[in-house]
Amino acid sequence: MTSVSFRQRVVPAAILGRATAAYRLVALGAVPVGAVLGGVAAKLLGLQDSFLAAGMLTLACLVGMGAVTEGALRSAES
């Protein structure tokens, strides 16, 4: 994974374990939260509209990834 190697380059070795643990807490902690929110959205909006909303959110995230450029990564490393 690119994010793992980037984190290993940027984070000092003394706190790399804590940074990795925090990353995993946020990443894996979002799974049950997303499941609950998806269930609530399906109940309130209906199944088809909740899938449409999830697709639009995914598209927005993909568009937002355009901000992650080589220059931004180099700037974060320095």
C-alpha atoms as a PDB file:
ATOM      1  CA  MET A   1       0.000   0.000   0.000  1.00  0.00           C
ATOM      2  CA  THR A   2       1.238   3.416  -0.854  1.00  0.00           C
ATOM      3  CA  SER A   3      -0.094   4.992   2.333  1.00  0.00           C
ATOM      4  CA  VAL A   4       1.866   2.550   4.502  1.00  0.00           C
ATOM      5  CA  SER A   5       5.199   3.251   2.841  1.00  0.00           C
ATOM      6  CA  PHE A   6       4.517   6.986   2.856  1.00  0.00           C
ATOM      7  CA  ARG A   7       3.667   6.899   6.571  1.00  0.00           C
ATOM      8  CA  GLN A   8       6.854   4.941   7.280  1.00  0.00           C
ATOM      9  CA  ARG A   9       8.920   7.589   5.483  1.00  0.00           C
ATOM     10  CA  VAL A  10       7.241  10.590   7.103  1.00  0.00           C
ATOM     11  CA  VAL A  11       6.608   9.510  10.700  1.00  0.00           C
ATOM     12  CA  PRO A  12       9.626   9.363  13.039  1.00  0.00           C
ATOM     13  CA  ALA A  13      10.605   5.817  14.042  1.00  0.00           C
ATOM     14  CA  ALA A  14      10.038   6.549  17.729  1.00  0.00           C
ATOM     15  CA  ILE A  15       6.289   7.059  17.233  1.00  0.00           C
ATOM     16  CA  LEU A  16       5.635   4.920  14.167  1.00  0.00           C
ATOM     17  CA  GLY A  17       3.831   2.231  16.183  1.00  0.00           C
ATOM     18  CA  ARG A  18       1.487   4.770  17.761  1.00  0.00           C
ATOM     19  CA  ALA A  19       0.836   6.444  14.404  1.00  0.00           C
ATOM     20  CA  THR A  20       0.025   3.085  12.813  1.00  0.00           C
ATOM     21  CA  ALA A  21      -2.295   2.196  15.701  1.00  0.00           C
ATOM     22  CA  ALA A  22      -4.107   5.536  15.369  1.00  0.00           C
ATOM     23  CA  TYR A  23      -4.449   5.043  11.607  1.00  0.00           C
ATOM     24  CA  ARG A  24      -5.929   1.573  12.098  1.00  0.00           C
ATOM     25  CA  LEU A  25      -8.283   2.805  14.816  1.00  0.00           C
ATOM     26  CA  VAL A  26      -9.708   5.452  12.513  1.00  0.00           C
ATOM     27  CA  ALA A  27      -9.789   3.256   9.403  1.00  0.00           C
ATOM     28  CA  LEU A  28     -11.264   0.161  11.027  1.00  0.00           C
ATOM     29  CA  GLY A  29     -13.432   2.140  13.440  1.00  0.00           C
ATOM     30  CA  ALA A  30     -15.170   3.728  10.474  1.00  0.00           C
ATOM     31  CA  VAL A  31     -16.499   0.351   9.298  1.00  0.00           C
ATOM     32  CA  PRO A  32     -19.154  -0.152  12.017  1.00  0.00           C
ATOM     33  CA  VAL A  33     -20.030   3.536  11.963  1.00  0.00           C
ATOM     34  CA  GLY A  34     -20.574   3.352   8.201  1.00  0.00           C
ATOM     35  CA  ALA A  35     -22.691   0.225   8.590  1.00  0.00           C
ATOM     36  CA  VAL A  36     -24.953   1.942  11.103  1.00  0.00           C
ATOM     37  CA  LEU A  37     -25.221   5.088   8.989  1.00  0.00           C
ATOM     38  CA  GLY A  38     -25.948   2.997   5.900  1.00  0.00           C
ATOM     39  CA  GLY A  39     -28.731   1.174   7.730  1.00  0.00           C
ATOM     40  CA  VAL A  40     -30.238   4.434   8.948  1.00  0.00           C
ATOM     41  CA  ALA A  41     -30.014   5.930   5.455  1.00  0.00           C
ATOM     42  CA  ALA A  42     -31.684   2.845   3.951  1.00  0.00           C
ATOM     43  CA  LYS A  43     -34.480   3.080   6.515  1.00  0.00           C
ATOM     44  CA  LEU A  44     -35.044   6.815   5.975  1.00  0.00           C
ATOM     45  CA  LEU A  45     -34.371   7.203   2.237  1.00  0.00           C
ATOM     46  CA  GLY A  46     -35.066   3.758   0.914  1.00  0.00           C
ATOM     47  CA  LEU A  47     -32.553   1.309  -0.445  1.00  0.00           C
ATOM     48  CA  GLN A  48     -32.198   2.747  -3.947  1.00  0.00           C
ATOM     49  CA  ASP A  49     -31.714   6.348  -2.789  1.00  0.00           C
ATOM     50  CA  SER A  50     -29.230   5.313  -0.102  1.00  0.00           C
ATOM     51  CA  PHE A  51     -27.124   3.512  -2.738  1.00  0.00           C
ATOM     52  CA  LEU A  52     -27.319   6.600  -4.935  1.00  0.00           C
ATOM     53  CA  ALA A  53     -26.145   8.783  -2.033  1.00  0.00           C
ATOM     54  CA  ALA A  54     -23.284   6.368  -1.299  1.00  0.00           C
ATOM     55  CA  GLY A  55     -22.248   6.450  -4.947  1.00  0.00           C
ATOM     56  CA  MET A  56     -22.266  10.246  -4.999  1.00  0.00           C
ATOM     57  CA  LEU A  57     -20.177  10.326  -1.814  1.00  0.00           C
ATOM     58  CA  THR A  58     -17.703   7.892  -3.349  1.00  0.00           C
ATOM     59  CA  LEU A  59     -17.476  10.026  -6.480  1.00  0.00           C
ATOM     60  CA  ALA A  60     -16.841  13.133  -4.359  1.00  0.00           C
ATOM     61  CA  CYS A  61     -14.022  11.303  -2.553  1.00  0.00           C
ATOM     62  CA  LEU A  62     -12.472  10.262  -5.860  1.00  0.00           C
ATOM     63  CA  VAL A  63     -12.612  13.830  -7.151  1.00  0.00           C
ATOM     64  CA  GLY A  64     -11.079  15.045  -3.886  1.00  0.00           C
ATOM     65  CA  MET A  65      -8.168  12.665  -4.365  1.00  0.00           C
ATOM     66  CA  GLY A  66      -7.048  14.959  -7.178  1.00  0.00           C
ATOM     67  CA  ALA A  67      -5.595  17.193  -4.454  1.00  0.00           C
ATOM     68  CA  VAL A  68      -3.055  14.492  -3.624  1.00  0.00           C
ATOM     69  CA  THR A  69      -0.272  15.344  -6.046  1.00  0.00           C
ATOM     70  CA  GLU A  70       3.438  14.605  -6.199  1.00  0.00           C
ATOM     71  CA  GLY A  71       4.094  18.161  -5.040  1.00  0.00           C
ATOM     72  CA  ALA A  72       1.809  17.779  -2.026  1.00  0.00           C
ATOM     73  CA  LEU A  73       3.505  14.515  -1.077  1.00  0.00           C
ATOM     74  CA  ARG A  74       6.985  16.048  -1.420  1.00  0.00           C
ATOM     75  CA  SER A  75       5.860  19.002   0.676  1.00  0.00           C
ATOM     76  CA  ALA A  76       4.586  16.666   3.406  1.00  0.00           C
ATOM     77  CA  GLU A  77       7.875  14.774   3.436  1.00  0.00           C
ATOM     78  CA  SER A  78       9.966  17.898   3.955  1.00  0.00           C
END
